[in-house]
Amino acid sequence: MRILLKKFLFPVTLLVSIILLVCQFICVFSSMLLSILAFFLFAIGLATTLLLGETNEGLKVLFIAYLISPYGVPMLAAWFLGTIGGINERLKSI
């Protein structure tokens, strides 16, 4: 019964493994680009707050910069990839 289940789950685990590798590449590449963009948005938000005196608009830009920084959405994507990877490993261990 276990061998039959392994044969049934092999295509699923293979597909999930390939999708995980592609998503990890995209996550690393986009994290690098988003870090550069977050730096520029941080500078614009800081300049807006300090030089122009638009505190509300500057804080909005700073919040968006935080979301796309490595501690925002990319961290959530890395957590999600880790969770899917753990599920994939459990399927492989059956």
PDB file of N, CA and C in Angstrom:
ATOM      1  N   MET A   1       0.823  -1.198   0.000  1.00  0.00           N
ATOM      2  CA  MET A   1       0.000   0.000   0.000  1.00  0.00           C
ATOM      3  C   MET A   1       0.865   1.259   0.000  1.00  0.00           C
ATOM      4  N   ARG A   2       1.944   1.242   0.780  1.00  0.00           N
ATOM      5  CA  ARG A   2       2.824   2.406   0.867  1.00  0.00           C
ATOM      6  C   ARG A   2       3.530   2.667  -0.457  1.00  0.00           C
ATOM      7  N   ILE A   3       3.932   1.600  -1.145  1.00  0.00           N
ATOM      8  CA  ILE A   3       4.609   1.757  -2.430  1.00  0.00           C
ATOM      9  C   ILE A   3       3.648   2.347  -3.458  1.00  0.00           C
ATOM     10  N   LEU A   4       2.406   1.922  -3.428  1.00  0.00           N
ATOM     11  CA  LEU A   4       1.407   2.465  -4.340  1.00  0.00           C
ATOM     12  C   LEU A   4       1.175   3.950  -4.069  1.00  0.00           C
ATOM     13  N   LEU A   5       1.148   4.323  -2.806  1.00  0.00           N
ATOM     14  CA  LEU A   5       0.983   5.729  -2.437  1.00  0.00           C
ATOM     15  C   LEU A   5       2.184   6.554  -2.880  1.00  0.00           C
ATOM     16  N   LYS A   6       3.399   5.997  -2.749  1.00  0.00           N
ATOM     17  CA  LYS A   6       4.605   6.712  -3.203  1.00  0.00           C
ATOM     18  C   LYS A   6       4.579   6.931  -4.711  1.00  0.00           C
ATOM     19  N   LYS A   7       4.140   5.913  -5.450  1.00  0.00           N
ATOM     20  CA  LYS A   7       4.066   6.046  -6.903  1.00  0.00           C
ATOM     21  C   LYS A   7       3.014   7.076  -7.301  1.00  0.00           C
ATOM     22  N   PHE A   8       1.944   7.159  -6.548  1.00  0.00           N
ATOM     23  CA  PHE A   8       0.907   8.140  -6.837  1.00  0.00           C
ATOM     24  C   PHE A   8       1.369   9.557  -6.508  1.00  0.00           C
ATOM     25  N   LEU A   9       2.129   9.723  -5.427  1.00  0.00           N
ATOM     26  CA  LEU A   9       2.552  11.047  -4.982  1.00  0.00           C
ATOM     27  C   LEU A   9       3.825  11.547  -5.666  1.00  0.00           C
ATOM     28  N   PHE A  10       4.543  10.686  -6.386  1.00  0.00           N
ATOM     29  CA  PHE A  10       5.791  11.111  -7.017  1.00  0.00           C
ATOM     30  C   PHE A  10       5.608  12.286  -7.979  1.00  0.00           C
ATOM     31  N   PRO A  11       4.624  12.240  -8.892  1.00  0.00           N
ATOM     32  CA  PRO A  11       4.465  13.405  -9.782  1.00  0.00           C
ATOM     33  C   PRO A  11       4.108  14.686  -9.016  1.00  0.00           C
ATOM     34  N   VAL A  12       3.343  14.542  -7.956  1.00  0.00           N
ATOM     35  CA  VAL A  12       2.965  15.711  -7.164  1.00  0.00           C
ATOM     36  C   VAL A  12       4.193  16.318  -6.498  1.00  0.00           C
ATOM     37  N   THR A  13       5.017  15.484  -5.876  1.00  0.00           N
ATOM     38  CA  THR A  13       6.210  16.005  -5.205  1.00  0.00           C
ATOM     39  C   THR A  13       7.215  16.561  -6.202  1.00  0.00           C
ATOM     40  N   LEU A  14       7.310  15.947  -7.372  1.00  0.00           N
ATOM     41  CA  LEU A  14       8.205  16.471  -8.408  1.00  0.00           C
ATOM     42  C   LEU A  14       7.745  17.841  -8.881  1.00  0.00           C
ATOM     43  N   LEU A  15       6.457  17.986  -9.115  1.00  0.00           N
ATOM     44  CA  LEU A  15       5.911  19.265  -9.553  1.00  0.00           C
ATOM     45  C   LEU A  15       6.077  20.340  -8.479  1.00  0.00           C
ATOM     46  N   VAL A  16       5.820  19.992  -7.240  1.00  0.00           N
ATOM     47  CA  VAL A  16       5.967  20.956  -6.139  1.00  0.00           C
ATOM     48  C   VAL A  16       7.436  21.349  -5.973  1.00  0.00           C
ATOM     49  N   SER A  17       8.346  20.403  -6.132  1.00  0.00           N
ATOM     50  CA  SER A  17       9.776  20.710  -6.026  1.00  0.00           C
ATOM     51  C   SER A  17      10.223  21.687  -7.110  1.00  0.00           C
ATOM     52  N   ILE A  18       9.756  21.481  -8.332  1.00  0.00           N
ATOM     53  CA  ILE A  18      10.119  22.384  -9.431  1.00  0.00           C
ATOM     54  C   ILE A  18       9.527  23.770  -9.198  1.00  0.00           C
ATOM     55  N   ILE A  19       8.280  23.826  -8.779  1.00  0.00           N
ATOM     56  CA  ILE A  19       7.641  25.112  -8.494  1.00  0.00           C
ATOM     57  C   ILE A  19       8.360  25.829  -7.368  1.00  0.00           C
ATOM     58  N   LEU A  20       8.780  25.108  -6.335  1.00  0.00           N
ATOM     59  CA  LEU A  20       9.518  25.714  -5.220  1.00  0.00           C
ATOM     60  C   LEU A  20      10.841  26.310  -5.673  1.00  0.00           C
ATOM     61  N   LEU A  21      11.572  25.602  -6.530  1.00  0.00           N
ATOM     62  CA  LEU A  21      12.846  26.119  -7.015  1.00  0.00           C
ATOM     63  C   LEU A  21      12.657  27.399  -7.827  1.00  0.00           C
ATOM     64  N   VAL A  22      11.651  27.416  -8.673  1.00  0.00           N
ATOM     65  CA  VAL A  22      11.377  28.615  -9.471  1.00  0.00           C
ATOM     66  C   VAL A  22      10.967  29.773  -8.559  1.00  0.00           C
ATOM     67  N   CYS A  23      10.106  29.493  -7.595  1.00  0.00           N
ATOM     68  CA  CYS A  23       9.647  30.546  -6.677  1.00  0.00           C
ATOM     69  C   CYS A  23      10.777  31.058  -5.783  1.00  0.00           C
ATOM     70  N   GLN A  24      11.685  30.189  -5.380  1.00  0.00           N
ATOM     71  CA  GLN A  24      12.822  30.638  -4.574  1.00  0.00           C
ATOM     72  C   GLN A  24      13.726  31.559  -5.388  1.00  0.00           C
ATOM     73  N   PHE A  25      13.939  31.230  -6.652  1.00  0.00           N
ATOM     74  CA  PHE A  25      14.737  32.104  -7.523  1.00  0.00           C
ATOM     75  C   PHE A  25      14.068  33.460  -7.671  1.00  0.00           C
ATOM     76  N   ILE A  26      12.769  33.462  -7.926  1.00  0.00           N
ATOM     77  CA  ILE A  26      12.033  34.718  -8.070  1.00  0.00           C
ATOM     78  C   ILE A  26      12.070  35.514  -6.773  1.00  0.00           C
ATOM     79  N   CYS A  27      11.963  34.832  -5.649  1.00  0.00           N
ATOM     80  CA  CYS A  27      11.972  35.506  -4.343  1.00  0.00           C
ATOM     81  C   CYS A  27      13.316  36.178  -4.087  1.00  0.00           C
ATOM     82  N   VAL A  28      14.404  35.503  -4.379  1.00  0.00           N
ATOM     83  CA  VAL A  28      15.730  36.084  -4.164  1.00  0.00           C
ATOM     84  C   VAL A  28      15.972  37.258  -5.111  1.00  0.00           C
ATOM     85  N   PHE A  29      15.625  37.082  -6.365  1.00  0.00           N
ATOM     86  CA  PHE A  29      15.835  38.134  -7.357  1.00  0.00           C
ATOM     87  C   PHE A  29      14.977  39.359  -7.052  1.00  0.00           C
ATOM     88  N   SER A  30      13.710  39.132  -6.732  1.00  0.00           N
ATOM     89  CA  SER A  30      12.826  40.264  -6.452  1.00  0.00           C
ATOM     90  C   SER A  30      13.184  40.936  -5.136  1.00  0.00           C
ATOM     91  N   SER A  31      13.681  40.170  -4.184  1.00  0.00           N
ATOM     92  CA  SER A  31      14.100  40.764  -2.908  1.00  0.00           C
ATOM     93  C   SER A  31      15.246  41.737  -3.124  1.00  0.00           C
ATOM     94  N   MET A  32      16.167  41.387  -4.025  1.00  0.00           N
ATOM     95  CA  MET A  32      17.279  42.274  -4.327  1.00  0.00           C
ATOM     96  C   MET A  32      16.770  43.567  -4.975  1.00  0.00           C
ATOM     97  N   LEU A  33      15.890  43.429  -5.947  1.00  0.00           N
ATOM     98  CA  LEU A  33      15.362  44.616  -6.626  1.00  0.00           C
ATOM     99  C   LEU A  33      14.491  45.455  -5.701  1.00  0.00           C
ATOM    100  N   LEU A  34      13.684  44.795  -4.882  1.00  0.00           N
ATOM    101  CA  LEU A  34      12.816  45.536  -3.964  1.00  0.00           C
ATOM    102  C   LEU A  34      13.617  46.241  -2.872  1.00  0.00           C
ATOM    103  N   SER A  35      14.758  45.706  -2.509  1.00  0.00           N
ATOM    104  CA  SER A  35      15.606  46.381  -1.527  1.00  0.00           C
ATOM    105  C   SER A  35      16.130  47.704  -2.070  1.00  0.00           C
ATOM    106  N   ILE A  36      16.518  47.702  -3.340  1.00  0.00           N
ATOM    107  CA  ILE A  36      16.991  48.938  -3.972  1.00  0.00           C
ATOM    108  C   ILE A  36      15.849  49.939  -4.071  1.00  0.00           C
ATOM    109  N   LEU A  37      14.685  49.471  -4.479  1.00  0.00           N
ATOM    110  CA  LEU A  37      13.524  50.346  -4.584  1.00  0.00           C
ATOM    111  C   LEU A  37      13.107  50.872  -3.211  1.00  0.00           C
ATOM    112  N   ALA A  38      13.196  50.032  -2.177  1.00  0.00           N
ATOM    113  CA  ALA A  38      12.845  50.470  -0.821  1.00  0.00           C
ATOM    114  C   ALA A  38      13.787  51.561  -0.337  1.00  0.00           C
ATOM    115  N   PHE A  39      15.063  51.479  -0.700  1.00  0.00           N
ATOM    116  CA  PHE A  39      16.007  52.523  -0.320  1.00  0.00           C
ATOM    117  C   PHE A  39      15.628  53.860  -0.945  1.00  0.00           C
ATOM    118  N   PHE A  40      15.288  53.828  -2.242  1.00  0.00           N
ATOM    119  CA  PHE A  40      14.901  55.070  -2.903  1.00  0.00           C
ATOM    120  C   PHE A  40      13.596  55.636  -2.340  1.00  0.00           C
ATOM    121  N   LEU A  41      12.642  54.762  -2.065  1.00  0.00           N
ATOM    122  CA  LEU A  41      11.393  55.233  -1.471  1.00  0.00           C
ATOM    123  C   LEU A  41      11.614  55.793  -0.072  1.00  0.00           C
ATOM    124  N   PHE A  42      12.517  55.178   0.678  1.00  0.00           N
ATOM    125  CA  PHE A  42      12.840  55.702   2.007  1.00  0.00           C
ATOM    126  C   PHE A  42      13.433  57.106   1.901  1.00  0.00           C
ATOM    127  N   ALA A  43      14.331  57.290   0.945  1.00  0.00           N
ATOM    128  CA  ALA A  43      14.941  58.612   0.762  1.00  0.00           C
ATOM    129  C   ALA A  43      13.901  59.644   0.338  1.00  0.00           C
ATOM    130  N   ILE A  44      12.980  59.248  -0.550  1.00  0.00           N
ATOM    131  CA  ILE A  44      11.931  60.170  -0.986  1.00  0.00           C
ATOM    132  C   ILE A  44      10.987  60.491   0.165  1.00  0.00           C
ATOM    133  N   GLY A  45      10.628  59.487   0.942  1.00  0.00           N
ATOM    134  CA  GLY A  45       9.745  59.719   2.082  1.00  0.00           C
ATOM    135  C   GLY A  45      10.380  60.596   3.140  1.00  0.00           C
ATOM    136  N   LEU A  46      11.652  60.386   3.396  1.00  0.00           N
ATOM    137  CA  LEU A  46      12.363  61.211   4.366  1.00  0.00           C
ATOM    138  C   LEU A  46      12.484  62.650   3.879  1.00  0.00           C
ATOM    139  N   ALA A  47      12.777  62.810   2.596  1.00  0.00           N
ATOM    140  CA  ALA A  47      12.873  64.158   2.031  1.00  0.00           C
ATOM    141  C   ALA A  47      11.518  64.857   2.045  1.00  0.00           C
ATOM    142  N   THR A  48      10.470  64.116   1.768  1.00  0.00           N
ATOM    143  CA  THR A  48       9.126  64.699   1.786  1.00  0.00           C
ATOM    144  C   THR A  48       8.754  65.148   3.193  1.00  0.00           C
ATOM    145  N   THR A  49       9.098  64.330   4.170  1.00  0.00           N
ATOM    146  CA  THR A  49       8.758  64.670   5.547  1.00  0.00           C
ATOM    147  C   THR A  49       9.585  65.845   6.058  1.00  0.00           C
ATOM    148  N   LEU A  50      10.875  65.818   5.828  1.00  0.00           N
ATOM    149  CA  LEU A  50      11.747  66.840   6.404  1.00  0.00           C
ATOM    150  C   LEU A  50      11.818  68.122   5.586  1.00  0.00           C
ATOM    151  N   LEU A  51      11.951  68.001   4.283  1.00  0.00           N
ATOM    152  CA  LEU A  51      12.158  69.189   3.466  1.00  0.00           C
ATOM    153  C   LEU A  51      10.859  69.888   3.068  1.00  0.00           C
ATOM    154  N   LEU A  52       9.852  69.115   2.723  1.00  0.00           N
ATOM    155  CA  LEU A  52       8.604  69.718   2.270  1.00  0.00           C
ATOM    156  C   LEU A  52       7.598  69.929   3.403  1.00  0.00           C
ATOM    157  N   GLY A  53       7.796  69.246   4.508  1.00  0.00           N
ATOM    158  CA  GLY A  53       6.896  69.396   5.639  1.00  0.00           C
ATOM    159  C   GLY A  53       5.588  68.627   5.500  1.00  0.00           C
ATOM    160  N   GLU A  54       5.489  67.765   4.512  1.00  0.00           N
ATOM    161  CA  GLU A  54       4.292  66.948   4.310  1.00  0.00           C
ATOM    162  C   GLU A  54       4.441  65.656   5.120  1.00  0.00           C
ATOM    163  N   THR A  55       4.146  65.722   6.394  1.00  0.00           N
ATOM    164  CA  THR A  55       4.368  64.582   7.282  1.00  0.00           C
ATOM    165  C   THR A  55       3.492  63.394   6.908  1.00  0.00           C
ATOM    166  N   ASN A  56       2.231  63.642   6.619  1.00  0.00           N
ATOM    167  CA  ASN A  56       1.306  62.559   6.305  1.00  0.00           C
ATOM    168  C   ASN A  56       1.727  61.814   5.039  1.00  0.00           C
ATOM    169  N   GLU A  57       2.054  62.531   3.989  1.00  0.00           N
ATOM    170  CA  GLU A  57       2.480  61.912   2.738  1.00  0.00           C
ATOM    171  C   GLU A  57       3.829  61.218   2.893  1.00  0.00           C
ATOM    172  N   GLY A  58       4.719  61.827   3.641  1.00  0.00           N
ATOM    173  CA  GLY A  58       6.025  61.220   3.878  1.00  0.00           C
ATOM    174  C   GLY A  58       5.924  59.907   4.637  1.00  0.00           C
ATOM    175  N   LEU A  59       5.035  59.856   5.620  1.00  0.00           N
ATOM    176  CA  LEU A  59       4.851  58.619   6.380  1.00  0.00           C
ATOM    177  C   LEU A  59       4.222  57.524   5.527  1.00  0.00           C
ATOM    178  N   LYS A  60       3.358  57.892   4.604  1.00  0.00           N
ATOM    179  CA  LYS A  60       2.791  56.904   3.681  1.00  0.00           C
ATOM    180  C   LYS A  60       3.884  56.283   2.819  1.00  0.00           C
ATOM    181  N   VAL A  61       4.773  57.113   2.314  1.00  0.00           N
ATOM    182  CA  VAL A  61       5.861  56.616   1.464  1.00  0.00           C
ATOM    183  C   VAL A  61       6.823  55.763   2.294  1.00  0.00           C
ATOM    184  N   LEU A  62       7.087  56.175   3.529  1.00  0.00           N
ATOM    185  CA  LEU A  62       7.961  55.386   4.394  1.00  0.00           C
ATOM    186  C   LEU A  62       7.335  54.029   4.722  1.00  0.00           C
ATOM    187  N   PHE A  63       6.028  53.990   4.904  1.00  0.00           N
ATOM    188  CA  PHE A  63       5.344  52.721   5.170  1.00  0.00           C
ATOM    189  C   PHE A  63       5.420  51.794   3.962  1.00  0.00           C
ATOM    190  N   ILE A  64       5.240  52.343   2.771  1.00  0.00           N
ATOM    191  CA  ILE A  64       5.365  51.535   1.552  1.00  0.00           C
ATOM    192  C   ILE A  64       6.798  51.027   1.402  1.00  0.00           C
ATOM    193  N   ALA A  65       7.767  51.869   1.746  1.00  0.00           N
ATOM    194  CA  ALA A  65       9.171  51.437   1.685  1.00  0.00           C
ATOM    195  C   ALA A  65       9.425  50.294   2.660  1.00  0.00           C
ATOM    196  N   TYR A  66       8.788  50.353   3.834  1.00  0.00           N
ATOM    197  CA  TYR A  66       8.947  49.263   4.803  1.00  0.00           C
ATOM    198  C   TYR A  66       8.313  47.974   4.279  1.00  0.00           C
ATOM    199  N   LEU A  67       7.158  48.081   3.641  1.00  0.00           N
ATOM    200  CA  LEU A  67       6.482  46.886   3.139  1.00  0.00           C
ATOM    201  C   LEU A  67       7.294  46.165   2.077  1.00  0.00           C
ATOM    202  N   ILE A  68       7.980  46.903   1.219  1.00  0.00           N
ATOM    203  CA  ILE A  68       8.745  46.236   0.165  1.00  0.00           C
ATOM    204  C   ILE A  68      10.201  45.987   0.567  1.00  0.00           C
ATOM    205  N   SER A  69      10.560  46.397   1.771  1.00  0.00           N
ATOM    206  CA  SER A  69      11.908  46.107   2.264  1.00  0.00           C
ATOM    207  C   SER A  69      12.007  44.611   2.573  1.00  0.00           C
ATOM    208  N   PRO A  70      13.193  44.093   2.843  1.00  0.00           N
ATOM    209  CA  PRO A  70      13.333  42.662   3.136  1.00  0.00           C
ATOM    210  C   PRO A  70      12.567  42.195   4.373  1.00  0.00           C
ATOM    211  N   TYR A  71      12.059  43.102   5.181  1.00  0.00           N
ATOM    212  CA  TYR A  71      11.307  42.714   6.370  1.00  0.00           C
ATOM    213  C   TYR A  71       9.806  42.723   6.147  1.00  0.00           C
ATOM    214  N   GLY A  72       9.345  43.081   4.982  1.00  0.00           N
ATOM    215  CA  GLY A  72       7.927  43.163   4.693  1.00  0.00           C
ATOM    216  C   GLY A  72       7.448  41.957   3.904  1.00  0.00           C
ATOM    217  N   VAL A  73       7.001  42.218   2.698  1.00  0.00           N
ATOM    218  CA  VAL A  73       6.428  41.186   1.833  1.00  0.00           C
ATOM    219  C   VAL A  73       7.437  40.085   1.476  1.00  0.00           C
ATOM    220  N   PRO A  74       8.719  40.391   1.192  1.00  0.00           N
ATOM    221  CA  PRO A  74       9.659  39.297   0.902  1.00  0.00           C
ATOM    222  C   PRO A  74       9.833  38.323   2.075  1.00  0.00           C
ATOM    223  N   MET A  75       9.731  38.815   3.308  1.00  0.00           N
ATOM    224  CA  MET A  75       9.822  37.916   4.464  1.00  0.00           C
ATOM    225  C   MET A  75       8.601  37.003   4.518  1.00  0.00           C
ATOM    226  N   LEU A  76       7.437  37.530   4.186  1.00  0.00           N
ATOM    227  CA  LEU A  76       6.224  36.724   4.134  1.00  0.00           C
ATOM    228  C   LEU A  76       6.332  35.667   3.038  1.00  0.00           C
ATOM    229  N   ALA A  77       6.889  36.037   1.891  1.00  0.00           N
ATOM    230  CA  ALA A  77       7.071  35.078   0.802  1.00  0.00           C
ATOM    231  C   ALA A  77       8.067  33.987   1.191  1.00  0.00           C
ATOM    232  N   ALA A  78       9.128  34.355   1.896  1.00  0.00           N
ATOM    233  CA  ALA A  78      10.113  33.351   2.348  1.00  0.00           C
ATOM    234  C   ALA A  78       9.490  32.397   3.354  1.00  0.00           C
ATOM    235  N   TRP A  79       8.650  32.913   4.242  1.00  0.00           N
ATOM    236  CA  TRP A  79       7.956  32.041   5.206  1.00  0.00           C
ATOM    237  C   TRP A  79       7.035  31.075   4.472  1.00  0.00           C
ATOM    238  N   PHE A  80       6.314  31.590   3.480  1.00  0.00           N
ATOM    239  CA  PHE A  80       5.401  30.750   2.714  1.00  0.00           C
ATOM    240  C   PHE A  80       6.161  29.663   1.956  1.00  0.00           C
ATOM    241  N   LEU A  81       7.288  30.013   1.355  1.00  0.00           N
ATOM    242  CA  LEU A  81       8.097  29.017   0.651  1.00  0.00           C
ATOM    243  C   LEU A  81       8.632  27.961   1.604  1.00  0.00           C
ATOM    244  N   GLY A  82       9.029  28.370   2.804  1.00  0.00           N
ATOM    245  CA  GLY A  82       9.493  27.408   3.795  1.00  0.00           C
ATOM    246  C   GLY A  82       8.395  26.454   4.224  1.00  0.00           C
ATOM    247  N   THR A  83       7.186  26.974   4.368  1.00  0.00           N
ATOM    248  CA  THR A  83       6.060  26.128   4.751  1.00  0.00           C
ATOM    249  C   THR A  83       5.727  25.122   3.660  1.00  0.00           C
ATOM    250  N   ILE A  84       5.686  25.582   2.425  1.00  0.00           N
ATOM    251  CA  ILE A  84       5.406  24.676   1.303  1.00  0.00           C
ATOM    252  C   ILE A  84       6.534  23.654   1.161  1.00  0.00           C
ATOM    253  N   GLY A  85       7.783  24.075   1.394  1.00  0.00           N
ATOM    254  CA  GLY A  85       8.910  23.139   1.355  1.00  0.00           C
ATOM    255  C   GLY A  85       8.794  22.071   2.427  1.00  0.00           C
ATOM    256  N   GLY A  86       8.336  22.455   3.609  1.00  0.00           N
ATOM    257  CA  GLY A  86       8.130  21.473   4.676  1.00  0.00           C
ATOM    258  C   GLY A  86       7.042  20.477   4.333  1.00  0.00           C
ATOM    259  N   ILE A  87       5.971  20.958   3.731  1.00  0.00           N
ATOM    260  CA  ILE A  87       4.900  20.057   3.304  1.00  0.00           C
ATOM    261  C   ILE A  87       5.409  19.110   2.220  1.00  0.00           C
ATOM    262  N   ASN A  88       6.237  19.635   1.319  1.00  0.00           N
ATOM    263  CA  ASN A  88       6.803  18.799   0.258  1.00  0.00           C
ATOM    264  C   ASN A  88       7.708  17.717   0.848  1.00  0.00           C
ATOM    265  N   GLU A  89       8.494  18.075   1.833  1.00  0.00           N
ATOM    266  CA  GLU A  89       9.374  17.067   2.467  1.00  0.00           C
ATOM    267  C   GLU A  89       8.560  15.994   3.182  1.00  0.00           C
ATOM    268  N   ARG A  90       7.455  16.392   3.792  1.00  0.00           N
ATOM    269  CA  ARG A  90       6.588  15.394   4.450  1.00  0.00           C
ATOM    270  C   ARG A  90       5.977  14.450   3.430  1.00  0.00           C
ATOM    271  N   LEU A  91       5.593  14.991   2.271  1.00  0.00           N
ATOM    272  CA  LEU A  91       5.052  14.127   1.231  1.00  0.00           C
ATOM    273  C   LEU A  91       6.116  13.165   0.707  1.00  0.00           C
ATOM    274  N   LYS A  92       7.356  13.631   0.597  1.00  0.00           N
ATOM    275  CA  LYS A  92       8.444  12.776   0.137  1.00  0.00           C
ATOM    276  C   LYS A  92       8.778  11.677   1.129  1.00  0.00           C
ATOM    277  N   SER A  93       8.551  11.937   2.412  1.00  0.00           N
ATOM    278  CA  SER A  93       8.928  10.956   3.435  1.00  0.00           C
ATOM    279  C   SER A  93       7.903   9.850   3.609  1.00  0.00           C
ATOM    280  N   ILE A  94       6.786   9.939   2.913  1.00  0.00           N
ATOM    281  CA  ILE A  94       5.759   8.881   3.034  1.00  0.00           C
ATOM    282  C   ILE A  94       6.256   7.619   2.415  1.00  0.00           C
TER     283      ILE A  94
END
